[in-house]
Amino acid sequence: MSEPLRVAVIVASVRDGRFGPVIANWFTGVARERQNLEIDVIDLIEHDLPNRLSQSPDLEVQAVLSGVSPRLAAADAFVVVTPEYNHSYPASLKSLIDWHTTEWHAKPVGFVGYGGLAGGMRAVEHLRQIFAETHSVTVRDTVGFHGPWGQFDEQGNLIDPTEAEAAAKTLLDALEWWGTALKDKKAQQPYGS
């Protein structure tokens, strides 16, 4: 059996009272049922990256980067769990993306969005454009939660998981396919060479 595909699940929201961890916990529970995936949850509330970018960050920023950059580099694929704020994604996620370059190269990115009427899909569509610039491959199929606050019980379980679990399965199937294909190709020939 080949080694598992390493998937970094990024919890993008850092807002007070955020709902992202509930959705991320549900999604990682579904993902961990697959024996061929190794899940690493990167919660951006634990990595306070500044918005001001620098080619030579000070020691404090280097310390923050050292907690997240190696984990992004080690990942074979990503799933971004993002809310929709003001028709887009949170600034914390943009900072994470912009502080890194090669960590994203030739890796697939899937999305789990949540929010009001659009269920996070406007944020996801904005992120597709950004991740294209990072030399990533975004997975077409997503998981979206329109008004998720009433869809989970007090323990964080989906009240009716049927549709969301089917969407997660489709997303994970595509992520595994792309992740394995890109990982195998990079083993034969480094990306960009």
N, C-alpha and C. Protein backbone atom coordinates (compact mmCIF):
# COMPACT_ATOMS: atom_id res chain seq x y z
N MET A 1 0.84 -1.19 0.00
CA MET A 1 0.00 0.00 0.00
C MET A 1 0.88 1.24 0.00
N SER A 2 0.53 2.24 -0.83
CA SER A 2 1.31 3.46 -0.89
C SER A 2 1.06 4.31 0.35
N GLU A 3 1.97 5.25 0.57
CA GLU A 3 1.80 6.10 1.74
C GLU A 3 0.58 6.99 1.58
N PRO A 4 -0.05 7.39 2.68
CA PRO A 4 -1.28 8.17 2.58
C PRO A 4 -1.03 9.56 1.99
N LEU A 5 -2.06 10.11 1.41
CA LEU A 5 -2.03 11.46 0.89
C LEU A 5 -2.19 12.40 2.08
N ARG A 6 -1.27 13.33 2.22
CA ARG A 6 -1.30 14.29 3.33
C ARG A 6 -2.16 15.49 2.95
N VAL A 7 -3.26 15.67 3.67
CA VAL A 7 -4.21 16.74 3.38
C VAL A 7 -4.22 17.73 4.53
N ALA A 8 -3.89 18.99 4.23
CA ALA A 8 -3.98 20.06 5.23
C ALA A 8 -5.36 20.70 5.11
N VAL A 9 -6.12 20.65 6.19
CA VAL A 9 -7.43 21.30 6.25
C VAL A 9 -7.23 22.63 6.96
N ILE A 10 -7.47 23.72 6.22
CA ILE A 10 -7.21 25.07 6.73
C ILE A 10 -8.52 25.69 7.20
N VAL A 11 -8.57 26.03 8.49
CA VAL A 11 -9.73 26.71 9.07
C VAL A 11 -9.45 28.21 8.96
N ALA A 12 -10.18 28.89 8.07
CA ALA A 12 -9.82 30.25 7.68
C ALA A 12 -10.30 31.34 8.63
N SER A 13 -11.39 31.13 9.31
CA SER A 13 -11.97 32.20 10.13
C SER A 13 -11.21 32.38 11.44
N VAL A 14 -10.99 33.64 11.79
CA VAL A 14 -10.40 33.97 13.09
C VAL A 14 -11.32 34.92 13.87
N ARG A 15 -12.50 35.10 13.39
CA ARG A 15 -13.46 36.03 13.98
C ARG A 15 -14.00 35.51 15.31
N ASP A 16 -14.29 36.43 16.25
CA ASP A 16 -14.93 36.05 17.51
C ASP A 16 -16.26 35.36 17.21
N GLY A 17 -16.56 34.29 17.92
CA GLY A 17 -17.81 33.58 17.75
C GLY A 17 -17.88 32.79 16.45
N ARG A 18 -16.75 32.50 15.86
CA ARG A 18 -16.70 31.82 14.56
C ARG A 18 -17.34 30.44 14.61
N PHE A 19 -17.85 30.01 13.46
CA PHE A 19 -18.50 28.72 13.33
C PHE A 19 -17.61 27.72 12.59
N GLY A 20 -16.50 28.20 12.04
CA GLY A 20 -15.60 27.38 11.24
C GLY A 20 -15.14 26.09 11.91
N PRO A 21 -14.76 26.11 13.18
CA PRO A 21 -14.31 24.86 13.80
C PRO A 21 -15.38 23.76 13.82
N VAL A 22 -16.65 24.13 13.94
CA VAL A 22 -17.72 23.12 13.92
C VAL A 22 -17.74 22.43 12.56
N ILE A 23 -17.68 23.23 11.50
CA ILE A 23 -17.71 22.66 10.15
C ILE A 23 -16.42 21.89 9.86
N ALA A 24 -15.29 22.43 10.27
CA ALA A 24 -14.00 21.74 10.06
C ALA A 24 -13.97 20.41 10.80
N ASN A 25 -14.49 20.37 12.02
CA ASN A 25 -14.53 19.11 12.78
C ASN A 25 -15.39 18.08 12.07
N TRP A 26 -16.56 18.53 11.57
CA TRP A 26 -17.41 17.60 10.82
C TRP A 26 -16.67 17.08 9.59
N PHE A 27 -16.08 18.00 8.81
CA PHE A 27 -15.42 17.59 7.57
C PHE A 27 -14.23 16.66 7.84
N THR A 28 -13.41 16.98 8.82
CA THR A 28 -12.26 16.11 9.11
C THR A 28 -12.71 14.75 9.60
N GLY A 29 -13.85 14.70 10.28
CA GLY A 29 -14.40 13.40 10.68
C GLY A 29 -14.73 12.54 9.48
N VAL A 30 -15.33 13.17 8.46
CA VAL A 30 -15.65 12.45 7.23
C VAL A 30 -14.35 12.03 6.53
N ALA A 31 -13.41 12.95 6.43
CA ALA A 31 -12.15 12.67 5.74
C ALA A 31 -11.33 11.59 6.43
N ARG A 32 -11.35 11.57 7.75
CA ARG A 32 -10.56 10.58 8.49
C ARG A 32 -11.09 9.16 8.38
N GLU A 33 -12.28 9.02 7.85
CA GLU A 33 -12.81 7.67 7.61
C GLU A 33 -12.06 6.98 6.47
N ARG A 34 -11.35 7.75 5.67
CA ARG A 34 -10.58 7.20 4.55
C ARG A 34 -9.18 6.84 5.03
N GLN A 35 -8.83 5.58 4.86
CA GLN A 35 -7.54 5.08 5.34
C GLN A 35 -6.35 5.66 4.59
N ASN A 36 -6.58 6.13 3.38
CA ASN A 36 -5.48 6.61 2.55
C ASN A 36 -5.25 8.12 2.66
N LEU A 37 -5.88 8.76 3.66
CA LEU A 37 -5.66 10.18 3.91
C LEU A 37 -5.07 10.40 5.29
N GLU A 38 -4.13 11.31 5.35
CA GLU A 38 -3.56 11.76 6.63
C GLU A 38 -3.95 13.23 6.77
N ILE A 39 -4.70 13.57 7.80
CA ILE A 39 -5.28 14.91 7.95
C ILE A 39 -4.48 15.73 8.96
N ASP A 40 -4.16 16.97 8.57
CA ASP A 40 -3.51 17.94 9.44
C ASP A 40 -4.38 19.19 9.44
N VAL A 41 -4.95 19.54 10.59
CA VAL A 41 -5.80 20.72 10.68
C VAL A 41 -4.94 21.93 11.03
N ILE A 42 -4.99 22.93 10.16
CA ILE A 42 -4.27 24.19 10.38
C ILE A 42 -5.31 25.26 10.65
N ASP A 43 -5.46 25.63 11.91
CA ASP A 43 -6.43 26.64 12.32
C ASP A 43 -5.72 27.99 12.36
N LEU A 44 -6.15 28.91 11.52
CA LEU A 44 -5.45 30.18 11.40
C LEU A 44 -5.52 31.05 12.65
N ILE A 45 -6.41 30.73 13.56
CA ILE A 45 -6.44 31.47 14.82
C ILE A 45 -5.15 31.22 15.62
N GLU A 46 -4.46 30.14 15.32
CA GLU A 46 -3.22 29.78 16.00
C GLU A 46 -1.98 30.33 15.29
N HIS A 47 -2.16 31.00 14.16
CA HIS A 47 -1.04 31.50 13.35
C HIS A 47 -1.34 32.92 12.90
N ASP A 48 -0.98 33.87 13.73
CA ASP A 48 -1.33 35.27 13.51
C ASP A 48 -0.34 35.94 12.55
N LEU A 49 -0.54 35.70 11.26
CA LEU A 49 0.34 36.29 10.26
C LEU A 49 -0.05 37.74 10.00
N PRO A 50 0.94 38.63 9.92
CA PRO A 50 0.62 40.04 9.65
C PRO A 50 0.23 40.23 8.19
N ASN A 51 -0.51 41.30 7.93
CA ASN A 51 -0.89 41.63 6.57
C ASN A 51 0.26 42.27 5.79
N ARG A 52 1.20 42.85 6.50
CA ARG A 52 2.34 43.50 5.86
C ARG A 52 3.38 42.44 5.49
N LEU A 53 3.56 42.22 4.19
CA LEU A 53 4.49 41.20 3.70
C LEU A 53 5.90 41.74 3.65
N SER A 54 6.86 40.84 3.79
CA SER A 54 8.27 41.24 3.76
C SER A 54 9.10 40.09 3.19
N GLN A 55 10.11 40.44 2.39
CA GLN A 55 11.05 39.44 1.90
C GLN A 55 12.00 38.98 3.00
N SER A 56 12.15 39.81 4.03
CA SER A 56 12.99 39.44 5.17
C SER A 56 12.23 39.75 6.46
N PRO A 57 11.32 38.83 6.84
CA PRO A 57 10.51 39.08 8.04
C PRO A 57 11.35 39.08 9.32
N ASP A 58 10.87 39.84 10.30
CA ASP A 58 11.58 39.90 11.58
C ASP A 58 11.43 38.57 12.32
N LEU A 59 12.11 38.46 13.44
CA LEU A 59 12.13 37.20 14.18
C LEU A 59 10.75 36.76 14.65
N GLU A 60 9.91 37.70 15.03
CA GLU A 60 8.57 37.36 15.49
C GLU A 60 7.75 36.73 14.36
N VAL A 61 7.81 37.31 13.18
CA VAL A 61 7.08 36.77 12.03
C VAL A 61 7.68 35.43 11.61
N GLN A 62 9.01 35.32 11.66
CA GLN A 62 9.66 34.05 11.34
C GLN A 62 9.16 32.94 12.26
N ALA A 63 8.96 33.27 13.53
CA ALA A 63 8.47 32.27 14.49
C ALA A 63 7.06 31.83 14.12
N VAL A 64 6.20 32.77 13.72
CA VAL A 64 4.84 32.40 13.30
C VAL A 64 4.90 31.54 12.04
N LEU A 65 5.72 31.95 11.08
CA LEU A 65 5.85 31.17 9.84
C LEU A 65 6.38 29.77 10.10
N SER A 66 7.27 29.63 11.06
CA SER A 66 7.85 28.31 11.33
C SER A 66 6.80 27.33 11.85
N GLY A 67 5.70 27.85 12.39
CA GLY A 67 4.63 26.99 12.87
C GLY A 67 3.68 26.52 11.78
N VAL A 68 3.68 27.20 10.64
CA VAL A 68 2.72 26.86 9.59
C VAL A 68 3.38 26.49 8.26
N SER A 69 4.46 27.14 7.89
CA SER A 69 5.07 26.91 6.57
C SER A 69 5.49 25.46 6.33
N PRO A 70 6.17 24.81 7.28
CA PRO A 70 6.54 23.40 7.04
C PRO A 70 5.34 22.49 6.88
N ARG A 71 4.25 22.80 7.55
CA ARG A 71 3.05 21.98 7.43
C ARG A 71 2.41 22.13 6.05
N LEU A 72 2.42 23.36 5.52
CA LEU A 72 1.92 23.57 4.16
C LEU A 72 2.82 22.87 3.15
N ALA A 73 4.12 22.97 3.35
CA ALA A 73 5.07 22.33 2.43
C ALA A 73 4.91 20.81 2.44
N ALA A 74 4.63 20.23 3.59
CA ALA A 74 4.50 18.78 3.71
C ALA A 74 3.20 18.25 3.12
N ALA A 75 2.21 19.11 2.98
CA ALA A 75 0.90 18.67 2.48
C ALA A 75 0.98 18.32 1.00
N ASP A 76 0.21 17.29 0.62
CA ASP A 76 0.05 16.93 -0.79
C ASP A 76 -1.19 17.58 -1.38
N ALA A 77 -2.10 18.02 -0.53
CA ALA A 77 -3.37 18.61 -0.97
C ALA A 77 -3.91 19.46 0.18
N PHE A 78 -4.86 20.34 -0.18
CA PHE A 78 -5.45 21.24 0.81
C PHE A 78 -6.97 21.24 0.69
N VAL A 79 -7.63 21.45 1.82
CA VAL A 79 -9.05 21.77 1.84
C VAL A 79 -9.18 23.02 2.69
N VAL A 80 -9.76 24.06 2.11
CA VAL A 80 -9.95 25.33 2.81
C VAL A 80 -11.40 25.39 3.30
N VAL A 81 -11.57 25.54 4.60
CA VAL A 81 -12.88 25.72 5.21
C VAL A 81 -13.03 27.22 5.43
N THR A 82 -13.87 27.84 4.60
CA THR A 82 -13.95 29.30 4.64
C THR A 82 -15.36 29.83 4.80
N PRO A 83 -15.52 30.86 5.62
CA PRO A 83 -16.79 31.56 5.65
C PRO A 83 -16.82 32.56 4.49
N GLU A 84 -17.97 33.13 4.30
CA GLU A 84 -18.09 34.25 3.37
C GLU A 84 -18.34 35.50 4.18
N TYR A 85 -17.41 36.43 4.12
CA TYR A 85 -17.55 37.73 4.78
C TYR A 85 -17.63 38.79 3.69
N ASN A 86 -18.69 39.55 3.69
CA ASN A 86 -18.84 40.64 2.72
C ASN A 86 -18.61 40.17 1.28
N HIS A 87 -19.21 39.05 0.93
CA HIS A 87 -19.14 38.45 -0.41
C HIS A 87 -17.77 37.90 -0.76
N SER A 88 -16.91 37.67 0.22
CA SER A 88 -15.59 37.12 -0.08
C SER A 88 -15.07 36.33 1.12
N TYR A 89 -13.77 36.07 1.14
CA TYR A 89 -13.14 35.24 2.15
C TYR A 89 -12.43 36.13 3.18
N PRO A 90 -12.02 35.59 4.31
CA PRO A 90 -11.39 36.40 5.35
C PRO A 90 -9.95 36.80 5.04
N ALA A 91 -9.56 37.94 5.58
CA ALA A 91 -8.20 38.47 5.38
C ALA A 91 -7.14 37.52 5.92
N SER A 92 -7.46 36.79 6.98
CA SER A 92 -6.50 35.84 7.56
C SER A 92 -6.06 34.81 6.53
N LEU A 93 -6.98 34.39 5.68
CA LEU A 93 -6.66 33.40 4.65
C LEU A 93 -5.79 34.02 3.56
N LYS A 94 -6.10 35.26 3.17
CA LYS A 94 -5.30 35.92 2.14
C LYS A 94 -3.87 36.11 2.64
N SER A 95 -3.70 36.45 3.90
CA SER A 95 -2.35 36.59 4.46
C SER A 95 -1.59 35.26 4.39
N LEU A 96 -2.26 34.17 4.75
CA LEU A 96 -1.61 32.86 4.68
C LEU A 96 -1.17 32.55 3.25
N ILE A 97 -2.06 32.78 2.31
CA ILE A 97 -1.73 32.50 0.91
C ILE A 97 -0.56 33.35 0.46
N ASP A 98 -0.60 34.64 0.75
CA ASP A 98 0.42 35.57 0.25
C ASP A 98 1.78 35.39 0.90
N TRP A 99 1.84 34.87 2.11
CA TRP A 99 3.13 34.64 2.77
C TRP A 99 3.85 33.42 2.19
N HIS A 100 3.18 32.65 1.36
CA HIS A 100 3.76 31.40 0.84
C HIS A 100 3.70 31.37 -0.67
N THR A 101 4.67 30.68 -1.27
CA THR A 101 4.68 30.56 -2.73
C THR A 101 4.78 29.10 -3.14
N THR A 102 5.96 28.51 -3.00
CA THR A 102 6.18 27.15 -3.49
C THR A 102 5.38 26.11 -2.71
N GLU A 103 4.95 26.42 -1.52
CA GLU A 103 4.18 25.47 -0.72
C GLU A 103 2.88 25.06 -1.42
N TRP A 104 2.36 25.92 -2.28
CA TRP A 104 1.09 25.65 -2.98
C TRP A 104 1.29 24.96 -4.32
N HIS A 105 2.49 25.03 -4.88
CA HIS A 105 2.73 24.60 -6.26
C HIS A 105 2.31 23.15 -6.53
N ALA A 106 1.58 23.00 -7.63
CA ALA A 106 1.21 21.68 -8.17
C ALA A 106 0.54 20.78 -7.12
N LYS A 107 -0.37 21.38 -6.37
CA LYS A 107 -1.15 20.65 -5.38
C LYS A 107 -2.62 21.01 -5.55
N PRO A 108 -3.52 20.08 -5.30
CA PRO A 108 -4.94 20.39 -5.42
C PRO A 108 -5.49 21.08 -4.17
N VAL A 109 -6.50 21.91 -4.41
CA VAL A 109 -7.16 22.64 -3.33
C VAL A 109 -8.66 22.42 -3.46
N GLY A 110 -9.28 21.94 -2.39
CA GLY A 110 -10.72 21.80 -2.33
C GLY A 110 -11.29 22.82 -1.35
N PHE A 111 -12.59 23.03 -1.42
CA PHE A 111 -13.21 24.06 -0.60
C PHE A 111 -14.47 23.56 0.10
N VAL A 112 -14.60 23.98 1.36
CA VAL A 112 -15.83 23.82 2.12
C VAL A 112 -16.22 25.24 2.53
N GLY A 113 -17.30 25.75 1.95
CA GLY A 113 -17.73 27.11 2.22
C GLY A 113 -18.98 27.14 3.07
N TYR A 114 -19.15 28.23 3.79
CA TYR A 114 -20.36 28.40 4.58
C TYR A 114 -20.67 29.87 4.73
N GLY A 115 -21.94 30.16 4.93
CA GLY A 115 -22.37 31.54 5.10
C GLY A 115 -23.86 31.67 4.97
N GLY A 116 -24.28 32.86 4.61
CA GLY A 116 -25.69 33.16 4.49
C GLY A 116 -26.30 32.59 3.23
N LEU A 117 -26.92 33.44 2.44
CA LEU A 117 -27.69 32.99 1.28
C LEU A 117 -26.86 32.23 0.25
N ALA A 118 -25.62 32.63 0.04
CA ALA A 118 -24.79 31.98 -0.98
C ALA A 118 -24.02 30.78 -0.44
N GLY A 119 -24.13 30.50 0.83
CA GLY A 119 -23.47 29.33 1.40
C GLY A 119 -21.96 29.31 1.25
N GLY A 120 -21.36 30.49 1.16
CA GLY A 120 -19.90 30.58 1.06
C GLY A 120 -19.36 30.47 -0.36
N MET A 121 -20.22 30.31 -1.34
CA MET A 121 -19.74 30.05 -2.70
C MET A 121 -19.11 31.28 -3.36
N ARG A 122 -19.49 32.49 -2.96
CA ARG A 122 -18.82 33.68 -3.51
C ARG A 122 -17.38 33.73 -3.02
N ALA A 123 -17.15 33.37 -1.78
CA ALA A 123 -15.78 33.31 -1.25
C ALA A 123 -14.98 32.26 -2.01
N VAL A 124 -15.59 31.10 -2.25
CA VAL A 124 -14.91 30.02 -2.97
C VAL A 124 -14.54 30.45 -4.38
N GLU A 125 -15.45 31.12 -5.08
CA GLU A 125 -15.15 31.54 -6.45
C GLU A 125 -14.02 32.57 -6.49
N HIS A 126 -13.94 33.46 -5.51
CA HIS A 126 -12.82 34.39 -5.43
C HIS A 126 -11.51 33.63 -5.19
N LEU A 127 -11.57 32.63 -4.34
CA LEU A 127 -10.35 31.86 -4.02
C LEU A 127 -9.85 31.06 -5.21
N ARG A 128 -10.72 30.62 -6.08
CA ARG A 128 -10.27 29.88 -7.26
C ARG A 128 -9.30 30.72 -8.10
N GLN A 129 -9.61 31.98 -8.27
CA GLN A 129 -8.74 32.87 -9.04
C GLN A 129 -7.38 33.04 -8.36
N ILE A 130 -7.40 33.16 -7.06
CA ILE A 130 -6.15 33.37 -6.32
C ILE A 130 -5.30 32.11 -6.34
N PHE A 131 -5.91 30.96 -6.10
CA PHE A 131 -5.13 29.73 -6.10
C PHE A 131 -4.61 29.37 -7.48
N ALA A 132 -5.28 29.81 -8.54
CA ALA A 132 -4.73 29.59 -9.89
C ALA A 132 -3.37 30.29 -10.02
N GLU A 133 -3.24 31.45 -9.42
CA GLU A 133 -1.98 32.20 -9.48
C GLU A 133 -0.88 31.52 -8.68
N THR A 134 -1.24 30.69 -7.70
CA THR A 134 -0.24 30.00 -6.88
C THR A 134 0.22 28.68 -7.50
N HIS A 135 -0.22 28.42 -8.73
CA HIS A 135 0.12 27.17 -9.44
C HIS A 135 -0.52 25.96 -8.79
N SER A 136 -1.70 26.17 -8.19
CA SER A 136 -2.48 25.08 -7.61
C SER A 136 -3.56 24.66 -8.59
N VAL A 137 -4.16 23.52 -8.33
CA VAL A 137 -5.29 23.03 -9.11
C VAL A 137 -6.49 23.00 -8.16
N THR A 138 -7.51 23.78 -8.47
CA THR A 138 -8.68 23.75 -7.59
C THR A 138 -9.64 22.66 -8.05
N VAL A 139 -10.21 21.97 -7.10
CA VAL A 139 -11.16 20.90 -7.36
C VAL A 139 -12.52 21.55 -7.62
N ARG A 140 -13.17 21.11 -8.68
CA ARG A 140 -14.44 21.71 -9.09
C ARG A 140 -15.52 21.56 -8.02
N ASP A 141 -15.69 20.36 -7.48
CA ASP A 141 -16.78 20.08 -6.55
C ASP A 141 -16.46 20.62 -5.17
N THR A 142 -17.46 21.23 -4.55
CA THR A 142 -17.29 21.83 -3.22
C THR A 142 -18.37 21.33 -2.28
N VAL A 143 -18.17 21.66 -1.01
CA VAL A 143 -19.21 21.47 0.00
C VAL A 143 -19.63 22.87 0.43
N GLY A 144 -20.91 23.15 0.41
CA GLY A 144 -21.40 24.46 0.80
C GLY A 144 -22.52 24.35 1.81
N PHE A 145 -22.48 25.24 2.79
CA PHE A 145 -23.52 25.28 3.83
C PHE A 145 -24.20 26.64 3.82
N HIS A 146 -25.44 26.65 3.37
CA HIS A 146 -26.29 27.84 3.41
C HIS A 146 -26.90 27.91 4.80
N GLY A 147 -26.59 28.96 5.54
CA GLY A 147 -27.14 29.09 6.89
C GLY A 147 -26.84 27.90 7.78
N PRO A 148 -25.58 27.58 8.03
CA PRO A 148 -25.23 26.34 8.73
C PRO A 148 -25.59 26.30 10.20
N TRP A 149 -25.86 27.44 10.81
CA TRP A 149 -26.02 27.52 12.25
C TRP A 149 -27.14 26.63 12.77
N GLY A 150 -28.16 26.40 11.98
CA GLY A 150 -29.25 25.54 12.41
C GLY A 150 -29.14 24.11 11.91
N GLN A 151 -28.06 23.80 11.20
CA GLN A 151 -27.92 22.47 10.62
C GLN A 151 -27.14 21.49 11.50
N PHE A 152 -26.54 22.00 12.57
CA PHE A 152 -25.72 21.17 13.47
C PHE A 152 -26.35 21.17 14.85
N ASP A 153 -26.23 20.04 15.54
CA ASP A 153 -26.74 19.98 16.90
C ASP A 153 -25.70 20.54 17.87
N GLU A 154 -26.00 20.50 19.15
CA GLU A 154 -25.11 21.09 20.16
C GLU A 154 -23.77 20.38 20.27
N GLN A 155 -23.69 19.14 19.81
CA GLN A 155 -22.42 18.40 19.83
C GLN A 155 -21.62 18.59 18.54
N GLY A 156 -22.13 19.39 17.60
CA GLY A 156 -21.43 19.63 16.35
C GLY A 156 -21.71 18.61 15.27
N ASN A 157 -22.75 17.78 15.46
CA ASN A 157 -23.12 16.80 14.45
C ASN A 157 -24.17 17.37 13.52
N LEU A 158 -24.07 17.02 12.25
CA LEU A 158 -25.09 17.45 11.30
C LEU A 158 -26.41 16.76 11.64
N ILE A 159 -27.47 17.52 11.64
CA ILE A 159 -28.78 16.96 11.94
C ILE A 159 -29.22 16.04 10.79
N ASP A 160 -29.02 16.49 9.56
CA ASP A 160 -29.31 15.66 8.38
C ASP A 160 -28.06 15.66 7.50
N PRO A 161 -27.19 14.67 7.65
CA PRO A 161 -25.91 14.67 6.95
C PRO A 161 -25.94 14.18 5.51
N THR A 162 -27.07 13.76 5.01
CA THR A 162 -27.14 13.06 3.72
C THR A 162 -26.49 13.86 2.59
N GLU A 163 -26.97 15.08 2.33
CA GLU A 163 -26.45 15.87 1.20
C GLU A 163 -25.01 16.31 1.43
N ALA A 164 -24.69 16.76 2.62
CA ALA A 164 -23.34 17.24 2.90
C ALA A 164 -22.32 16.11 2.82
N GLU A 165 -22.66 14.94 3.32
CA GLU A 165 -21.73 13.81 3.23
C GLU A 165 -21.53 13.36 1.80
N ALA A 166 -22.58 13.41 0.98
CA ALA A 166 -22.44 13.07 -0.44
C ALA A 166 -21.53 14.08 -1.13
N ALA A 167 -21.69 15.37 -0.81
CA ALA A 167 -20.84 16.40 -1.40
C ALA A 167 -19.39 16.24 -0.94
N ALA A 168 -19.19 15.92 0.34
CA ALA A 168 -17.83 15.70 0.86
C ALA A 168 -17.17 14.51 0.18
N LYS A 169 -17.94 13.45 -0.06
CA LYS A 169 -17.38 12.28 -0.74
C LYS A 169 -16.92 12.65 -2.14
N THR A 170 -17.73 13.40 -2.87
CA THR A 170 -17.37 13.81 -4.23
C THR A 170 -16.12 14.68 -4.21
N LEU A 171 -16.06 15.64 -3.28
CA LEU A 171 -14.89 16.50 -3.14
C LEU A 171 -13.64 15.69 -2.82
N LEU A 172 -13.76 14.78 -1.86
CA LEU A 172 -12.59 13.98 -1.45
C LEU A 172 -12.14 13.02 -2.55
N ASP A 173 -13.07 12.47 -3.31
CA ASP A 173 -12.69 11.61 -4.44
C ASP A 173 -11.84 12.39 -5.44
N ALA A 174 -12.30 13.59 -5.77
CA ALA A 174 -11.56 14.42 -6.74
C ALA A 174 -10.22 14.87 -6.16
N LEU A 175 -10.22 15.25 -4.89
CA LEU A 175 -8.97 15.69 -4.25
C LEU A 175 -7.95 14.56 -4.23
N GLU A 176 -8.40 13.34 -3.92
CA GLU A 176 -7.48 12.19 -3.93
C GLU A 176 -6.94 11.93 -5.33
N TRP A 177 -7.81 12.01 -6.33
CA TRP A 177 -7.36 11.76 -7.70
C TRP A 177 -6.29 12.76 -8.10
N TRP A 178 -6.59 14.04 -7.93
CA TRP A 178 -5.62 15.08 -8.29
C TRP A 178 -4.37 15.02 -7.42
N GLY A 179 -4.56 14.81 -6.12
CA GLY A 179 -3.41 14.75 -5.22
C GLY A 179 -2.46 13.62 -5.57
N THR A 180 -3.01 12.45 -5.87
CA THR A 180 -2.18 11.31 -6.24
C THR A 180 -1.51 11.53 -7.59
N ALA A 181 -2.26 12.03 -8.56
CA ALA A 181 -1.70 12.26 -9.89
C ALA A 181 -0.55 13.27 -9.84
N LEU A 182 -0.76 14.37 -9.13
CA LEU A 182 0.28 15.41 -9.05
C LEU A 182 1.48 14.94 -8.23
N LYS A 183 1.21 14.22 -7.18
CA LYS A 183 2.31 13.69 -6.34
C LYS A 183 3.17 12.72 -7.16
N ASP A 184 2.52 11.83 -7.90
CA ASP A 184 3.26 10.87 -8.74
C ASP A 184 4.06 11.59 -9.81
N LYS A 185 3.48 12.59 -10.46
CA LYS A 185 4.18 13.32 -11.51
C LYS A 185 5.38 14.07 -10.94
N LYS A 186 5.22 14.69 -9.77
CA LYS A 186 6.34 15.42 -9.16
C LYS A 186 7.46 14.47 -8.75
N ALA A 187 7.14 13.23 -8.43
CA ALA A 187 8.17 12.24 -8.11
C ALA A 187 9.00 11.91 -9.35
N GLN A 188 8.38 11.97 -10.52
CA GLN A 188 9.09 11.73 -11.78
C GLN A 188 9.86 12.96 -12.25
N GLN A 189 9.24 14.12 -12.08
CA GLN A 189 9.82 15.38 -12.57
C GLN A 189 9.37 16.51 -11.65
N PRO A 190 10.30 17.21 -11.02
CA PRO A 190 9.90 18.32 -10.15
C PRO A 190 9.11 19.37 -10.91
N TYR A 191 8.14 19.96 -10.25
CA TYR A 191 7.31 20.98 -10.90
C TYR A 191 8.16 22.17 -11.30
N GLY A 192 7.92 22.65 -12.51
CA GLY A 192 8.62 23.83 -13.00
C GLY A 192 9.98 23.57 -13.60
N SER A 193 10.39 22.30 -13.66
CA SER A 193 11.72 22.03 -14.21
C SER A 193 11.67 21.78 -15.71
